[in-house]
Amino acid sequence: MQNAKDTFYLTLQSRLATLNPSRTMVMRGSVRPGILVDENELPTAFVPMDAFRLQWTKLQVNNASPPPWIAMECSIQYATDGTPGNGGMDRGRALAAMDAELVSALAAEPHTIPKMNYAAASAGVAPTAMATNVFWADTIFGATSAIGERLERTATVQVFAYQEAGEL
């Protein structure tokens, strides 16, 4: 399951960085692409603006066929205050730009990618391709919420994979 989550996240990160290389954020003193997975970060009260935050919210395992099939719901939250130079009056355009980036990244072909094992990547070892793929359904966009002068949206996407032997 972790390999499917990592593969989906890194694919989305790569696609978003290609679509808009200037969408970055500073996290713990490092400039990174403007996307993160909440469960991989240290807890903080700071919510990055103009960045995509992924949360894995639901899990379903179907053991009816070998290998087991998993379905996970990925909630993608993002928000903007607009730009300071425009006094935030462009927040609707900024949110629409983020919507378009997410649509393009998730709708881009292919909708299926080889599942990768990134377990040894922190030790400098290249990720290895696994025997199955990760694939996902169309994105469902929630309503826009206005919190003070901030505009927020949550999109959800169902991500699917097979659980290979030996995977956690």
N, C-alpha and C. Protein backbone atom coordinates (compact mmCIF):
# COMPACT_ATOMS: atom_id res chain seq x y z
N MET A 1 0.82 -1.19 0.00
CA MET A 1 0.00 0.00 0.00
C MET A 1 0.87 1.26 0.00
N GLN A 2 1.97 1.24 0.79
CA GLN A 2 2.84 2.42 0.85
C GLN A 2 3.49 2.69 -0.50
N ASN A 3 3.84 1.62 -1.22
CA ASN A 3 4.44 1.82 -2.53
C ASN A 3 3.47 2.49 -3.50
N ALA A 4 2.19 2.13 -3.42
CA ALA A 4 1.18 2.76 -4.28
C ALA A 4 1.02 4.23 -3.92
N LYS A 5 1.00 4.54 -2.62
CA LYS A 5 0.88 5.94 -2.19
C LYS A 5 2.08 6.75 -2.66
N ASP A 6 3.28 6.20 -2.46
CA ASP A 6 4.49 6.92 -2.88
C ASP A 6 4.52 7.13 -4.38
N THR A 7 4.15 6.10 -5.13
CA THR A 7 4.16 6.20 -6.60
C THR A 7 3.19 7.26 -7.08
N PHE A 8 1.98 7.27 -6.53
CA PHE A 8 0.99 8.26 -6.93
C PHE A 8 1.47 9.67 -6.59
N TYR A 9 1.94 9.86 -5.37
CA TYR A 9 2.41 11.18 -4.93
C TYR A 9 3.56 11.68 -5.80
N LEU A 10 4.57 10.86 -6.03
CA LEU A 10 5.73 11.33 -6.80
C LEU A 10 5.39 11.57 -8.27
N THR A 11 4.45 10.79 -8.79
CA THR A 11 3.98 11.05 -10.16
C THR A 11 3.25 12.38 -10.23
N LEU A 12 2.36 12.62 -9.28
CA LEU A 12 1.63 13.89 -9.24
C LEU A 12 2.58 15.06 -9.03
N GLN A 13 3.55 14.89 -8.13
CA GLN A 13 4.54 15.94 -7.89
C GLN A 13 5.30 16.29 -9.17
N SER A 14 5.74 15.28 -9.89
CA SER A 14 6.48 15.49 -11.13
C SER A 14 5.63 16.20 -12.18
N ARG A 15 4.39 15.76 -12.32
CA ARG A 15 3.50 16.37 -13.32
C ARG A 15 3.19 17.83 -12.96
N LEU A 16 2.93 18.10 -11.68
CA LEU A 16 2.63 19.48 -11.27
C LEU A 16 3.85 20.38 -11.44
N ALA A 17 5.03 19.87 -11.12
CA ALA A 17 6.26 20.66 -11.27
C ALA A 17 6.54 20.97 -12.73
N THR A 18 6.17 20.06 -13.63
CA THR A 18 6.33 20.31 -15.06
C THR A 18 5.33 21.36 -15.54
N LEU A 19 4.10 21.28 -15.05
CA LEU A 19 3.06 22.23 -15.45
C LEU A 19 3.34 23.64 -14.95
N ASN A 20 3.83 23.75 -13.72
CA ASN A 20 4.09 25.07 -13.13
C ASN A 20 5.32 24.98 -12.22
N PRO A 21 6.52 25.11 -12.81
CA PRO A 21 7.74 25.00 -12.01
C PRO A 21 7.86 26.08 -10.93
N SER A 22 7.12 27.17 -11.08
CA SER A 22 7.22 28.24 -10.08
C SER A 22 6.32 28.00 -8.86
N ARG A 23 5.49 26.94 -8.89
CA ARG A 23 4.66 26.63 -7.72
C ARG A 23 5.53 25.85 -6.74
N THR A 24 6.13 26.60 -5.83
CA THR A 24 7.01 26.00 -4.82
C THR A 24 6.56 26.46 -3.44
N MET A 25 7.14 25.86 -2.43
CA MET A 25 6.88 26.25 -1.05
C MET A 25 8.16 26.05 -0.26
N VAL A 26 8.22 26.71 0.87
CA VAL A 26 9.35 26.53 1.77
C VAL A 26 8.86 25.69 2.94
N MET A 27 9.51 24.55 3.14
CA MET A 27 9.14 23.66 4.23
C MET A 27 10.41 23.28 4.97
N ARG A 28 10.45 23.60 6.26
CA ARG A 28 11.61 23.34 7.09
C ARG A 28 12.89 23.88 6.45
N GLY A 29 12.80 25.07 5.89
CA GLY A 29 13.97 25.76 5.34
C GLY A 29 14.37 25.34 3.94
N SER A 30 13.66 24.42 3.33
CA SER A 30 13.98 23.96 1.98
C SER A 30 12.90 24.38 1.00
N VAL A 31 13.31 24.82 -0.17
CA VAL A 31 12.36 25.13 -1.24
C VAL A 31 12.05 23.82 -1.95
N ARG A 32 10.75 23.51 -2.03
CA ARG A 32 10.29 22.26 -2.62
C ARG A 32 9.15 22.54 -3.58
N PRO A 33 8.84 21.58 -4.46
CA PRO A 33 7.63 21.72 -5.27
C PRO A 33 6.43 21.90 -4.35
N GLY A 34 5.42 22.61 -4.81
CA GLY A 34 4.27 22.97 -3.99
C GLY A 34 3.27 21.86 -3.77
N ILE A 35 3.75 20.72 -3.28
CA ILE A 35 2.88 19.59 -2.98
C ILE A 35 3.50 18.80 -1.83
N LEU A 36 2.67 18.32 -0.91
CA LEU A 36 3.17 17.52 0.20
C LEU A 36 2.13 16.51 0.62
N VAL A 37 2.58 15.49 1.34
CA VAL A 37 1.69 14.49 1.92
C VAL A 37 1.70 14.72 3.42
N ASP A 38 0.55 15.03 3.99
CA ASP A 38 0.47 15.36 5.41
C ASP A 38 1.10 14.30 6.31
N GLU A 39 0.86 13.03 6.02
CA GLU A 39 1.37 11.97 6.91
C GLU A 39 2.89 11.85 6.88
N ASN A 40 3.54 12.46 5.89
CA ASN A 40 4.99 12.40 5.78
C ASN A 40 5.68 13.61 6.41
N GLU A 41 4.92 14.56 6.92
CA GLU A 41 5.49 15.80 7.46
C GLU A 41 5.31 15.84 8.97
N LEU A 42 6.15 16.62 9.62
CA LEU A 42 5.99 16.84 11.05
C LEU A 42 4.75 17.69 11.29
N PRO A 43 4.01 17.42 12.36
CA PRO A 43 2.82 18.23 12.64
C PRO A 43 3.19 19.70 12.84
N THR A 44 2.38 20.57 12.29
CA THR A 44 2.60 22.00 12.42
C THR A 44 1.28 22.72 12.29
N ALA A 45 1.17 23.87 12.90
CA ALA A 45 -0.04 24.68 12.78
C ALA A 45 -0.04 25.44 11.46
N PHE A 46 1.12 25.53 10.82
CA PHE A 46 1.27 26.25 9.56
C PHE A 46 0.66 25.44 8.42
N VAL A 47 -0.23 26.06 7.69
CA VAL A 47 -0.82 25.44 6.50
C VAL A 47 -0.29 26.20 5.30
N PRO A 48 0.49 25.54 4.45
CA PRO A 48 1.07 26.25 3.31
C PRO A 48 -0.02 26.72 2.33
N MET A 49 0.10 27.95 1.91
CA MET A 49 -0.80 28.50 0.90
C MET A 49 -0.24 28.20 -0.49
N ASP A 50 -1.13 28.16 -1.45
CA ASP A 50 -0.76 27.98 -2.85
C ASP A 50 0.05 26.70 -3.05
N ALA A 51 -0.29 25.67 -2.29
CA ALA A 51 0.34 24.36 -2.39
C ALA A 51 -0.75 23.30 -2.25
N PHE A 52 -0.46 22.12 -2.74
CA PHE A 52 -1.39 21.00 -2.67
C PHE A 52 -1.00 20.09 -1.50
N ARG A 53 -1.99 19.75 -0.65
CA ARG A 53 -1.76 18.88 0.50
C ARG A 53 -2.56 17.59 0.32
N LEU A 54 -1.85 16.48 0.26
CA LEU A 54 -2.50 15.18 0.08
C LEU A 54 -2.71 14.51 1.43
N GLN A 55 -3.88 13.92 1.59
CA GLN A 55 -4.21 13.13 2.77
C GLN A 55 -4.87 11.84 2.29
N TRP A 56 -4.41 10.73 2.81
CA TRP A 56 -5.01 9.45 2.49
C TRP A 56 -6.14 9.21 3.49
N THR A 57 -7.40 9.26 3.02
CA THR A 57 -8.53 9.32 3.93
C THR A 57 -9.34 8.03 4.05
N LYS A 58 -9.33 7.19 3.04
CA LYS A 58 -10.11 5.94 3.11
C LYS A 58 -9.31 4.82 2.48
N LEU A 59 -9.57 3.61 2.96
CA LEU A 59 -8.89 2.43 2.44
C LEU A 59 -9.90 1.29 2.36
N GLN A 60 -9.86 0.59 1.25
CA GLN A 60 -10.69 -0.60 1.06
C GLN A 60 -9.77 -1.69 0.50
N VAL A 61 -9.83 -2.88 1.10
CA VAL A 61 -9.03 -4.01 0.64
C VAL A 61 -9.98 -5.11 0.20
N ASN A 62 -9.77 -5.63 -1.00
CA ASN A 62 -10.57 -6.73 -1.51
C ASN A 62 -9.64 -7.93 -1.66
N ASN A 63 -9.85 -8.93 -0.83
CA ASN A 63 -9.01 -10.13 -0.84
C ASN A 63 -9.58 -11.24 -1.72
N ALA A 64 -10.62 -10.96 -2.51
CA ALA A 64 -11.29 -11.99 -3.29
C ALA A 64 -10.40 -12.59 -4.36
N SER A 65 -9.42 -11.86 -4.83
CA SER A 65 -8.55 -12.39 -5.87
C SER A 65 -7.09 -12.16 -5.48
N PRO A 66 -6.25 -13.13 -5.79
CA PRO A 66 -4.83 -12.88 -5.53
C PRO A 66 -4.23 -12.12 -6.72
N PRO A 67 -3.42 -11.15 -6.54
CA PRO A 67 -3.12 -10.53 -5.26
C PRO A 67 -4.28 -9.64 -4.81
N PRO A 68 -4.32 -9.29 -3.52
CA PRO A 68 -5.40 -8.42 -3.02
C PRO A 68 -5.39 -7.07 -3.76
N TRP A 69 -6.57 -6.55 -3.98
CA TRP A 69 -6.76 -5.28 -4.66
C TRP A 69 -7.09 -4.23 -3.61
N ILE A 70 -6.45 -3.07 -3.70
CA ILE A 70 -6.72 -2.00 -2.73
C ILE A 70 -7.25 -0.77 -3.45
N ALA A 71 -8.13 -0.07 -2.77
CA ALA A 71 -8.64 1.22 -3.24
C ALA A 71 -8.43 2.21 -2.10
N MET A 72 -7.80 3.32 -2.42
CA MET A 72 -7.54 4.35 -1.41
C MET A 72 -8.12 5.66 -1.92
N GLU A 73 -8.65 6.45 -1.00
CA GLU A 73 -9.13 7.78 -1.37
C GLU A 73 -8.05 8.79 -0.98
N CYS A 74 -7.67 9.60 -1.95
CA CYS A 74 -6.70 10.66 -1.71
C CYS A 74 -7.45 12.00 -1.75
N SER A 75 -7.40 12.69 -0.63
CA SER A 75 -8.00 14.01 -0.51
C SER A 75 -6.90 15.03 -0.78
N ILE A 76 -7.14 15.93 -1.72
CA ILE A 76 -6.15 16.93 -2.09
C ILE A 76 -6.73 18.30 -1.73
N GLN A 77 -6.13 18.91 -0.72
CA GLN A 77 -6.61 20.22 -0.24
C GLN A 77 -5.65 21.30 -0.73
N TYR A 78 -6.22 22.43 -1.10
CA TYR A 78 -5.40 23.56 -1.50
C TYR A 78 -6.16 24.85 -1.22
N ALA A 79 -5.38 25.92 -1.01
CA ALA A 79 -5.97 27.20 -0.63
C ALA A 79 -5.09 28.34 -1.13
N THR A 80 -5.70 29.51 -1.27
CA THR A 80 -4.94 30.68 -1.68
C THR A 80 -5.54 31.93 -1.05
N ASP A 81 -4.68 32.87 -0.77
CA ASP A 81 -5.09 34.21 -0.34
C ASP A 81 -4.99 35.20 -1.48
N GLY A 82 -4.64 34.72 -2.69
CA GLY A 82 -4.34 35.62 -3.80
C GLY A 82 -2.93 36.16 -3.63
N THR A 83 -2.57 37.13 -4.44
CA THR A 83 -1.22 37.69 -4.35
C THR A 83 -1.23 39.01 -3.61
N PRO A 84 -0.18 39.27 -2.82
CA PRO A 84 -0.11 40.52 -2.07
C PRO A 84 -0.12 41.75 -2.97
N GLY A 85 0.51 41.65 -4.13
CA GLY A 85 0.56 42.78 -5.05
C GLY A 85 -0.81 43.21 -5.55
N ASN A 86 -1.75 42.30 -5.51
CA ASN A 86 -3.13 42.61 -5.94
C ASN A 86 -4.08 42.69 -4.75
N GLY A 87 -3.53 42.74 -3.55
CA GLY A 87 -4.36 42.84 -2.36
C GLY A 87 -5.29 41.66 -2.17
N GLY A 88 -4.94 40.52 -2.76
CA GLY A 88 -5.77 39.33 -2.65
C GLY A 88 -6.98 39.35 -3.57
N MET A 89 -7.14 40.40 -4.35
CA MET A 89 -8.32 40.52 -5.21
C MET A 89 -8.29 39.53 -6.39
N ASP A 90 -7.17 38.82 -6.54
CA ASP A 90 -7.05 37.82 -7.60
C ASP A 90 -7.16 36.40 -7.07
N ARG A 91 -7.70 36.25 -5.86
CA ARG A 91 -7.75 34.93 -5.24
C ARG A 91 -8.59 33.94 -6.05
N GLY A 92 -9.64 34.39 -6.71
CA GLY A 92 -10.44 33.50 -7.55
C GLY A 92 -9.65 32.99 -8.73
N ARG A 93 -8.89 33.88 -9.35
CA ARG A 93 -8.03 33.46 -10.47
C ARG A 93 -6.93 32.52 -9.99
N ALA A 94 -6.38 32.79 -8.81
CA ALA A 94 -5.32 31.93 -8.27
C ALA A 94 -5.87 30.53 -7.98
N LEU A 95 -7.08 30.44 -7.43
CA LEU A 95 -7.68 29.14 -7.17
C LEU A 95 -8.00 28.43 -8.49
N ALA A 96 -8.49 29.16 -9.46
CA ALA A 96 -8.79 28.57 -10.77
C ALA A 96 -7.51 28.04 -11.43
N ALA A 97 -6.40 28.73 -11.26
CA ALA A 97 -5.13 28.26 -11.81
C ALA A 97 -4.72 26.95 -11.14
N MET A 98 -4.93 26.84 -9.83
CA MET A 98 -4.61 25.60 -9.13
C MET A 98 -5.54 24.46 -9.57
N ASP A 99 -6.83 24.79 -9.75
CA ASP A 99 -7.77 23.80 -10.27
C ASP A 99 -7.28 23.25 -11.61
N ALA A 100 -6.89 24.16 -12.51
CA ALA A 100 -6.45 23.77 -13.86
C ALA A 100 -5.19 22.91 -13.80
N GLU A 101 -4.26 23.27 -12.92
CA GLU A 101 -3.04 22.46 -12.78
C GLU A 101 -3.37 21.05 -12.32
N LEU A 102 -4.25 20.93 -11.34
CA LEU A 102 -4.62 19.62 -10.82
C LEU A 102 -5.36 18.80 -11.87
N VAL A 103 -6.28 19.45 -12.59
CA VAL A 103 -7.00 18.75 -13.67
C VAL A 103 -6.01 18.23 -14.70
N SER A 104 -5.09 19.08 -15.13
CA SER A 104 -4.11 18.68 -16.15
C SER A 104 -3.22 17.55 -15.67
N ALA A 105 -2.76 17.63 -14.43
CA ALA A 105 -1.85 16.61 -13.90
C ALA A 105 -2.54 15.25 -13.77
N LEU A 106 -3.78 15.24 -13.31
CA LEU A 106 -4.47 13.98 -13.09
C LEU A 106 -5.15 13.43 -14.35
N ALA A 107 -5.44 14.30 -15.30
CA ALA A 107 -6.08 13.86 -16.53
C ALA A 107 -5.06 13.46 -17.60
N ALA A 108 -3.81 13.83 -17.39
CA ALA A 108 -2.77 13.52 -18.37
C ALA A 108 -2.65 12.00 -18.52
N GLU A 109 -2.39 11.59 -19.73
CA GLU A 109 -2.17 10.17 -19.98
C GLU A 109 -0.74 9.83 -19.62
N PRO A 110 -0.48 8.71 -19.10
CA PRO A 110 -1.45 7.65 -18.80
C PRO A 110 -2.08 7.84 -17.42
N HIS A 111 -3.20 7.17 -17.22
CA HIS A 111 -3.87 7.15 -15.91
C HIS A 111 -3.39 5.95 -15.11
N THR A 112 -2.44 5.26 -15.64
CA THR A 112 -1.85 4.12 -14.96
C THR A 112 -0.34 4.22 -15.11
N ILE A 113 0.35 3.88 -14.03
CA ILE A 113 1.81 3.98 -14.03
C ILE A 113 2.37 2.77 -13.29
N PRO A 114 3.59 2.35 -13.63
CA PRO A 114 4.18 1.23 -12.90
C PRO A 114 4.37 1.59 -11.43
N LYS A 115 4.01 0.66 -10.56
CA LYS A 115 4.22 0.87 -9.13
C LYS A 115 5.71 0.74 -8.86
N MET A 116 6.23 1.67 -8.06
CA MET A 116 7.66 1.70 -7.76
C MET A 116 7.87 1.47 -6.26
N ASN A 117 9.01 0.90 -5.92
CA ASN A 117 9.40 0.72 -4.54
C ASN A 117 10.48 1.74 -4.22
N TYR A 118 10.15 2.70 -3.35
CA TYR A 118 11.06 3.79 -2.98
C TYR A 118 11.71 3.55 -1.62
N ALA A 119 11.58 2.35 -1.06
CA ALA A 119 12.06 2.09 0.31
C ALA A 119 13.53 2.41 0.50
N ALA A 120 14.37 2.16 -0.47
CA ALA A 120 15.81 2.38 -0.32
C ALA A 120 16.26 3.72 -0.87
N ALA A 121 15.33 4.55 -1.32
CA ALA A 121 15.69 5.82 -1.95
C ALA A 121 16.43 6.75 -0.99
N SER A 122 16.10 6.71 0.30
CA SER A 122 16.78 7.57 1.26
C SER A 122 18.25 7.20 1.43
N ALA A 123 18.60 5.98 1.05
CA ALA A 123 20.00 5.53 1.11
C ALA A 123 20.71 5.75 -0.21
N GLY A 124 20.06 6.45 -1.12
CA GLY A 124 20.68 6.75 -2.41
C GLY A 124 20.49 5.67 -3.46
N VAL A 125 19.66 4.67 -3.17
CA VAL A 125 19.40 3.59 -4.12
C VAL A 125 18.21 3.99 -4.99
N ALA A 126 18.34 3.79 -6.28
CA ALA A 126 17.26 4.15 -7.21
C ALA A 126 16.03 3.30 -6.93
N PRO A 127 14.84 3.89 -7.11
CA PRO A 127 13.61 3.10 -6.93
C PRO A 127 13.55 1.97 -7.95
N THR A 128 12.87 0.90 -7.57
CA THR A 128 12.75 -0.24 -8.47
C THR A 128 11.30 -0.44 -8.87
N ALA A 129 11.11 -0.82 -10.13
CA ALA A 129 9.76 -1.08 -10.63
C ALA A 129 9.25 -2.39 -10.05
N MET A 130 7.99 -2.40 -9.72
CA MET A 130 7.35 -3.59 -9.18
C MET A 130 6.57 -4.28 -10.31
N ALA A 131 5.85 -5.34 -10.00
CA ALA A 131 5.19 -6.14 -11.02
C ALA A 131 3.82 -5.60 -11.45
N THR A 132 3.23 -4.68 -10.66
CA THR A 132 1.89 -4.20 -10.97
C THR A 132 1.89 -2.69 -11.16
N ASN A 133 0.72 -2.15 -11.46
CA ASN A 133 0.57 -0.73 -11.72
C ASN A 133 -0.28 -0.05 -10.65
N VAL A 134 -0.21 1.27 -10.65
CA VAL A 134 -1.09 2.13 -9.86
C VAL A 134 -1.96 2.86 -10.88
N PHE A 135 -3.24 2.97 -10.62
CA PHE A 135 -4.13 3.69 -11.52
C PHE A 135 -5.16 4.45 -10.71
N TRP A 136 -5.83 5.40 -11.34
CA TRP A 136 -6.76 6.24 -10.59
C TRP A 136 -7.96 6.63 -11.44
N ALA A 137 -9.02 7.01 -10.74
CA ALA A 137 -10.28 7.42 -11.36
C ALA A 137 -10.27 8.93 -11.59
N ASP A 138 -11.34 9.42 -12.17
CA ASP A 138 -11.48 10.86 -12.38
C ASP A 138 -11.56 11.58 -11.04
N THR A 139 -11.13 12.81 -11.04
CA THR A 139 -11.09 13.63 -9.84
C THR A 139 -12.46 14.25 -9.58
N ILE A 140 -12.85 14.30 -8.32
CA ILE A 140 -14.09 14.95 -7.92
C ILE A 140 -13.70 16.21 -7.15
N PHE A 141 -14.15 17.35 -7.63
CA PHE A 141 -13.82 18.63 -7.00
C PHE A 141 -14.97 19.08 -6.10
N GLY A 142 -14.63 19.39 -4.86
CA GLY A 142 -15.61 19.90 -3.91
C GLY A 142 -15.88 21.37 -4.16
N ALA A 143 -16.83 21.90 -3.43
CA ALA A 143 -17.19 23.31 -3.56
C ALA A 143 -16.07 24.19 -3.00
N THR A 144 -16.01 25.39 -3.49
CA THR A 144 -15.07 26.38 -2.97
C THR A 144 -15.57 26.87 -1.63
N SER A 145 -14.68 26.98 -0.67
CA SER A 145 -15.01 27.53 0.64
C SER A 145 -14.25 28.84 0.83
N ALA A 146 -14.91 29.82 1.39
CA ALA A 146 -14.26 31.08 1.73
C ALA A 146 -14.11 31.14 3.24
N ILE A 147 -12.88 31.18 3.70
CA ILE A 147 -12.56 31.30 5.12
C ILE A 147 -11.86 32.65 5.28
N GLY A 148 -12.60 33.63 5.74
CA GLY A 148 -12.04 34.98 5.76
C GLY A 148 -11.76 35.42 4.34
N GLU A 149 -10.54 35.80 4.07
CA GLU A 149 -10.16 36.21 2.72
C GLU A 149 -9.51 35.08 1.92
N ARG A 150 -9.50 33.90 2.46
CA ARG A 150 -8.87 32.73 1.84
C ARG A 150 -9.92 31.92 1.09
N LEU A 151 -9.55 31.42 -0.08
CA LEU A 151 -10.39 30.49 -0.82
C LEU A 151 -9.75 29.11 -0.73
N GLU A 152 -10.57 28.09 -0.46
CA GLU A 152 -10.08 26.73 -0.31
C GLU A 152 -10.93 25.77 -1.12
N ARG A 153 -10.30 24.67 -1.51
CA ARG A 153 -11.04 23.60 -2.18
C ARG A 153 -10.41 22.27 -1.79
N THR A 154 -11.24 21.23 -1.80
CA THR A 154 -10.75 19.86 -1.62
C THR A 154 -11.23 19.05 -2.81
N ALA A 155 -10.30 18.36 -3.43
CA ALA A 155 -10.61 17.43 -4.51
C ALA A 155 -10.29 16.03 -4.01
N THR A 156 -11.02 15.04 -4.49
CA THR A 156 -10.73 13.66 -4.11
C THR A 156 -10.54 12.82 -5.35
N VAL A 157 -9.67 11.84 -5.21
CA VAL A 157 -9.42 10.92 -6.32
C VAL A 157 -9.22 9.52 -5.72
N GLN A 158 -9.83 8.55 -6.36
CA GLN A 158 -9.67 7.16 -5.95
C GLN A 158 -8.43 6.59 -6.64
N VAL A 159 -7.55 6.00 -5.84
CA VAL A 159 -6.29 5.43 -6.34
C VAL A 159 -6.36 3.92 -6.09
N PHE A 160 -5.98 3.13 -7.10
CA PHE A 160 -6.11 1.68 -7.03
C PHE A 160 -4.76 1.01 -7.30
N ALA A 161 -4.56 -0.14 -6.68
CA ALA A 161 -3.36 -0.93 -6.92
C ALA A 161 -3.59 -2.35 -6.40
N TYR A 162 -2.73 -3.25 -6.84
CA TYR A 162 -2.72 -4.60 -6.29
C TYR A 162 -1.63 -4.67 -5.23
N GLN A 163 -1.92 -5.37 -4.15
CA GLN A 163 -0.97 -5.55 -3.06
C GLN A 163 -0.11 -6.76 -3.41
N GLU A 164 1.14 -6.53 -3.72
CA GLU A 164 2.03 -7.60 -4.12
C GLU A 164 2.56 -8.36 -2.91
N ALA A 165 3.02 -9.56 -3.12
CA ALA A 165 3.58 -10.38 -2.05
C ALA A 165 4.73 -9.64 -1.37
N GLY A 166 4.72 -9.62 -0.04
CA GLY A 166 5.79 -8.97 0.70
C GLY A 166 5.60 -7.50 0.96
N GLU A 167 4.58 -6.87 0.36
CA GLU A 167 4.33 -5.45 0.60
C GLU A 167 3.62 -5.27 1.93
N LEU A 168 3.88 -4.15 2.55
CA LEU A 168 3.19 -3.82 3.79
C LEU A 168 1.93 -3.06 3.48
